[in-house]
Protein backbone atom coordinates (compact mmCIF):
# COMPACT_ATOMS: atom_id res chain seq x y z
CA MET A 1 174.95 130.49 135.66
CA ARG A 2 175.71 132.12 132.36
CA LEU A 3 172.19 132.83 130.30
CA LEU A 4 173.10 133.90 126.25
CA LEU A 5 170.23 136.42 125.26
CA ALA A 6 170.58 135.77 121.70
CA ASP A 7 167.52 139.07 120.11
CA GLU A 8 167.77 142.63 120.23
CA LEU A 9 165.35 142.28 124.21
CA ASP A 10 165.20 144.88 126.94
CA GLN A 11 168.53 144.63 129.07
CA GLU A 12 166.77 145.90 132.36
CA PRO A 13 165.27 143.20 133.27
CA PHE A 14 168.56 140.89 133.32
CA TYR A 15 170.39 142.84 134.73
CA GLU A 16 168.19 142.02 138.16
CA LEU A 17 169.46 138.45 137.41
CA SER A 18 173.41 139.15 137.50
CA LEU A 19 172.75 141.33 140.88
CA LEU A 20 171.88 137.48 141.59
CA GLY A 21 175.68 136.15 140.33
CA VAL A 22 173.43 135.26 136.82
CA ASP A 23 176.43 135.86 134.11
CA VAL A 24 174.50 137.95 130.94
CA VAL A 25 175.76 137.68 127.96
CA ASN A 26 174.04 139.85 125.29
CA LYS A 27 174.87 139.20 121.41
CA PRO A 28 171.20 140.00 119.61
CA THR A 29 172.99 138.97 116.44
CA LEU A 30 173.66 135.42 116.09
CA THR A 31 172.65 133.29 113.48
CA VAL A 32 171.74 130.10 112.94
CA GLU A 33 174.61 129.18 111.37
CA SER A 34 176.37 131.12 114.44
CA LEU A 35 174.02 130.31 117.93
CA GLY A 36 175.53 126.78 118.63
CA SER A 37 178.72 127.47 118.39
CA ALA A 38 177.63 130.51 121.45
CA LEU A 39 176.34 128.12 123.48
CA GLU A 40 179.68 126.61 125.50
CA GLY A 41 179.39 127.18 128.90
CA VAL A 42 175.37 128.74 128.93
CA HIS A 43 172.58 127.21 130.94
CA ILE A 44 169.93 129.81 130.10
CA LEU A 45 169.17 130.88 126.56
CA VAL A 46 166.23 133.76 125.46
CA VAL A 47 165.22 134.43 122.56
CA SER A 48 162.74 136.01 120.50
CA SER A 49 162.17 135.53 116.79
CA THR A 50 166.46 134.61 115.62
CA GLU A 51 165.07 130.40 114.72
CA VAL A 52 166.44 127.93 117.05
CA THR A 53 167.07 124.24 115.62
CA ALA A 54 166.75 120.89 117.12
CA GLU A 55 170.52 120.52 115.71
CA VAL A 56 171.89 123.83 118.16
CA LEU A 57 169.21 122.17 121.31
CA GLU A 58 171.07 118.76 120.71
CA ARG A 59 174.90 119.81 121.30
CA ALA A 60 173.92 122.45 124.52
CA THR A 61 174.71 120.44 126.50
CA GLN A 62 174.43 122.78 129.70
CA LEU A 63 171.10 123.51 129.09
CA SER A 64 168.61 123.45 131.16
C-alpha cells in the first residue's frame, strides 16, 4: 500500500506506518497541476493545504 504526503507535515506519525509495511512517499512541493500525475499507484492521499480537484480524484482510481 502506498501513501502520498502532498504537504509539509510532521513525518513521525507516518514513520510508524512505514514500519507496518506502508510505502510512505513524501512530496510536499506538489501543486494542483502536478498532483494528478503523482497519484499513480497511490492508495492513500494526505493533504493539508494542497488543492485537490474533482478531476484529480476522478483520475486517481486506486485511492481508497
